[in-house]
Amino acid sequence: MTEDTAIQHLKDLLRTTAFNVEFEIDQDTHRVITKVVDKDTGDVIRQLPSEEVMRIANALQKAQGLFVHQEA
């Protein structure tokens, strides 16, 4: 099965569910964020990585940037 075929198969399966799967790139960490969203309400049911993990990753990245800047 090719990647395009697999993606189309996944889209077909999701049409029959009560939720959507969304993908986005975090602007700060450039990590892929996957969200499961309720089709009717638009509420995020689940996010991977979680918001808490993304906040920690952003804080660590900023702290690392400060350390590198101070050493230079």
N, C-alpha and C. Protein backbone atom coordinates (compact mmCIF):
# COMPACT_ATOMS: atom_id res chain seq x y z
N MET A 1 0.85 -1.17 0.00
CA MET A 1 0.00 0.00 0.00
C MET A 1 0.90 1.24 0.00
N THR A 2 0.65 2.15 -0.94
CA THR A 2 1.45 3.37 -1.00
C THR A 2 1.00 4.34 0.09
N GLU A 3 1.82 5.35 0.32
CA GLU A 3 1.49 6.35 1.34
C GLU A 3 0.19 7.08 0.99
N ASP A 4 0.03 7.44 -0.29
CA ASP A 4 -1.19 8.13 -0.71
C ASP A 4 -2.42 7.25 -0.52
N THR A 5 -2.30 5.97 -0.81
CA THR A 5 -3.40 5.04 -0.63
C THR A 5 -3.74 4.90 0.85
N ALA A 6 -2.72 4.81 1.69
CA ALA A 6 -2.95 4.69 3.13
C ALA A 6 -3.63 5.93 3.68
N ILE A 7 -3.22 7.11 3.24
CA ILE A 7 -3.84 8.35 3.69
C ILE A 7 -5.30 8.40 3.25
N GLN A 8 -5.58 8.02 2.02
CA GLN A 8 -6.95 8.02 1.53
C GLN A 8 -7.80 7.03 2.31
N HIS A 9 -7.24 5.87 2.61
CA HIS A 9 -7.96 4.86 3.39
C HIS A 9 -8.29 5.41 4.78
N LEU A 10 -7.34 6.09 5.40
CA LEU A 10 -7.58 6.69 6.71
C LEU A 10 -8.67 7.77 6.63
N LYS A 11 -8.64 8.59 5.60
CA LYS A 11 -9.67 9.62 5.43
C LYS A 11 -11.05 8.98 5.27
N ASP A 12 -11.13 7.90 4.50
CA ASP A 12 -12.40 7.20 4.31
C ASP A 12 -12.94 6.65 5.64
N LEU A 13 -12.04 6.08 6.45
CA LEU A 13 -12.46 5.56 7.75
C LEU A 13 -12.95 6.67 8.68
N LEU A 14 -12.29 7.81 8.65
CA LEU A 14 -12.65 8.91 9.54
C LEU A 14 -13.99 9.56 9.17
N ARG A 15 -14.41 9.41 7.94
CA ARG A 15 -15.71 9.98 7.53
C ARG A 15 -16.87 9.36 8.32
N THR A 16 -16.70 8.15 8.79
CA THR A 16 -17.78 7.45 9.49
C THR A 16 -17.70 7.61 11.01
N THR A 17 -16.73 8.37 11.50
CA THR A 17 -16.57 8.54 12.94
C THR A 17 -17.11 9.90 13.38
N ALA A 18 -17.19 10.09 14.69
CA ALA A 18 -17.69 11.35 15.25
C ALA A 18 -16.55 12.33 15.51
N PHE A 19 -15.36 12.02 15.01
CA PHE A 19 -14.23 12.91 15.26
C PHE A 19 -13.36 13.06 14.02
N ASN A 20 -12.57 14.11 14.02
CA ASN A 20 -11.57 14.36 12.98
C ASN A 20 -10.20 14.24 13.60
N VAL A 21 -9.22 13.96 12.78
CA VAL A 21 -7.82 13.98 13.21
C VAL A 21 -7.15 15.12 12.46
N GLU A 22 -6.53 16.01 13.23
CA GLU A 22 -5.86 17.17 12.64
C GLU A 22 -4.38 17.13 12.97
N PHE A 23 -3.57 17.62 12.05
CA PHE A 23 -2.13 17.68 12.25
C PHE A 23 -1.68 19.12 12.05
N GLU A 24 -0.76 19.55 12.90
CA GLU A 24 -0.18 20.88 12.74
C GLU A 24 1.26 20.86 13.22
N ILE A 25 2.01 21.88 12.82
CA ILE A 25 3.40 22.01 13.23
C ILE A 25 3.48 23.14 14.25
N ASP A 26 4.05 22.84 15.43
CA ASP A 26 4.25 23.87 16.45
C ASP A 26 5.30 24.85 15.95
N GLN A 27 4.99 26.14 15.99
CA GLN A 27 5.88 27.17 15.46
C GLN A 27 7.18 27.29 16.24
N ASP A 28 7.14 27.02 17.54
CA ASP A 28 8.34 27.18 18.36
C ASP A 28 9.27 25.97 18.29
N THR A 29 8.71 24.78 18.41
CA THR A 29 9.54 23.57 18.47
C THR A 29 9.63 22.83 17.14
N HIS A 30 8.76 23.18 16.20
CA HIS A 30 8.70 22.54 14.89
C HIS A 30 8.34 21.05 15.00
N ARG A 31 7.62 20.70 16.07
CA ARG A 31 7.16 19.32 16.27
C ARG A 31 5.75 19.18 15.69
N VAL A 32 5.44 17.97 15.25
CA VAL A 32 4.10 17.68 14.75
C VAL A 32 3.17 17.48 15.94
N ILE A 33 2.03 18.16 15.91
CA ILE A 33 1.00 18.01 16.93
C ILE A 33 -0.19 17.33 16.27
N THR A 34 -0.67 16.27 16.88
CA THR A 34 -1.83 15.54 16.38
C THR A 34 -2.99 15.77 17.34
N LYS A 35 -4.14 16.18 16.80
CA LYS A 35 -5.32 16.44 17.62
C LYS A 35 -6.48 15.60 17.13
N VAL A 36 -7.21 15.02 18.08
CA VAL A 36 -8.47 14.35 17.80
C VAL A 36 -9.56 15.33 18.21
N VAL A 37 -10.39 15.73 17.25
CA VAL A 37 -11.36 16.80 17.46
C VAL A 37 -12.78 16.30 17.21
N ASP A 38 -13.69 16.64 18.12
CA ASP A 38 -15.11 16.30 17.97
C ASP A 38 -15.66 17.04 16.75
N LYS A 39 -16.27 16.31 15.82
CA LYS A 39 -16.79 16.92 14.60
C LYS A 39 -17.91 17.93 14.88
N ASP A 40 -18.75 17.64 15.86
CA ASP A 40 -19.90 18.50 16.13
C ASP A 40 -19.55 19.76 16.90
N THR A 41 -18.71 19.63 17.92
CA THR A 41 -18.43 20.77 18.80
C THR A 41 -17.12 21.48 18.48
N GLY A 42 -16.20 20.78 17.82
CA GLY A 42 -14.90 21.35 17.56
C GLY A 42 -13.96 21.25 18.76
N ASP A 43 -14.42 20.61 19.84
CA ASP A 43 -13.59 20.45 21.04
C ASP A 43 -12.47 19.44 20.78
N VAL A 44 -11.29 19.74 21.34
CA VAL A 44 -10.17 18.81 21.24
C VAL A 44 -10.39 17.70 22.27
N ILE A 45 -10.49 16.48 21.80
CA ILE A 45 -10.68 15.32 22.66
C ILE A 45 -9.34 14.87 23.22
N ARG A 46 -8.33 14.88 22.36
CA ARG A 46 -7.00 14.42 22.77
C ARG A 46 -5.96 15.11 21.88
N GLN A 47 -4.83 15.44 22.48
CA GLN A 47 -3.75 16.04 21.73
C GLN A 47 -2.45 15.31 22.07
N LEU A 48 -1.66 15.02 21.04
CA LEU A 48 -0.37 14.37 21.22
C LEU A 48 0.71 15.17 20.49
N PRO A 49 1.79 15.56 21.11
CA PRO A 49 1.98 15.55 22.55
C PRO A 49 1.01 16.51 23.22
N SER A 50 0.80 16.30 24.50
CA SER A 50 -0.17 17.10 25.24
C SER A 50 0.29 18.56 25.33
N GLU A 51 -0.65 19.44 25.68
CA GLU A 51 -0.31 20.86 25.84
C GLU A 51 0.76 21.04 26.91
N GLU A 52 0.68 20.25 27.97
CA GLU A 52 1.67 20.36 29.05
C GLU A 52 3.06 20.01 28.54
N VAL A 53 3.16 18.95 27.76
CA VAL A 53 4.46 18.55 27.22
C VAL A 53 4.98 19.62 26.27
N MET A 54 4.10 20.23 25.48
CA MET A 54 4.53 21.28 24.57
C MET A 54 5.01 22.51 25.34
N ARG A 55 4.35 22.86 26.44
CA ARG A 55 4.81 23.99 27.26
C ARG A 55 6.19 23.72 27.83
N ILE A 56 6.41 22.50 28.31
CA ILE A 56 7.72 22.13 28.85
C ILE A 56 8.78 22.19 27.75
N ALA A 57 8.47 21.65 26.59
CA ALA A 57 9.42 21.65 25.47
C ALA A 57 9.76 23.08 25.06
N ASN A 58 8.75 23.96 25.02
CA ASN A 58 9.00 25.36 24.67
C ASN A 58 9.88 26.03 25.71
N ALA A 59 9.61 25.78 26.99
CA ALA A 59 10.41 26.38 28.06
C ALA A 59 11.85 25.88 28.00
N LEU A 60 12.05 24.59 27.77
CA LEU A 60 13.40 24.04 27.67
C LEU A 60 14.15 24.62 26.47
N GLN A 61 13.45 24.78 25.38
CA GLN A 61 14.08 25.33 24.18
C GLN A 61 14.51 26.77 24.43
N LYS A 62 13.65 27.56 25.10
CA LYS A 62 14.01 28.95 25.41
C LYS A 62 15.17 29.00 26.39
N ALA A 63 15.16 28.13 27.39
CA ALA A 63 16.25 28.10 28.37
C ALA A 63 17.56 27.70 27.69
N GLN A 64 17.50 26.75 26.78
CA GLN A 64 18.69 26.33 26.06
C GLN A 64 19.23 27.50 25.22
N GLY A 65 18.32 28.25 24.61
CA GLY A 65 18.72 29.42 23.82
C GLY A 65 19.40 30.47 24.67
N LEU A 66 18.92 30.68 25.89
CA LEU A 66 19.55 31.65 26.78
C LEU A 66 20.94 31.19 27.19
N PHE A 67 21.09 29.91 27.46
CA PHE A 67 22.39 29.36 27.85
C PHE A 67 23.41 29.52 26.73
N VAL A 68 23.02 29.19 25.53
CA VAL A 68 23.92 29.31 24.38
C VAL A 68 24.28 30.77 24.16
N HIS A 69 23.32 31.66 24.30
CA HIS A 69 23.56 33.08 24.10
C HIS A 69 24.54 33.62 25.14
N GLN A 70 24.41 33.19 26.40
CA GLN A 70 25.29 33.65 27.46
C GLN A 70 26.71 33.13 27.28
N GLU A 71 26.87 31.93 26.70
CA GLU A 71 28.19 31.35 26.51
C GLU A 71 28.92 31.97 25.34
N ALA A 72 28.20 32.51 24.37
CA ALA A 72 28.81 33.03 23.14
C ALA A 72 29.50 34.35 23.34
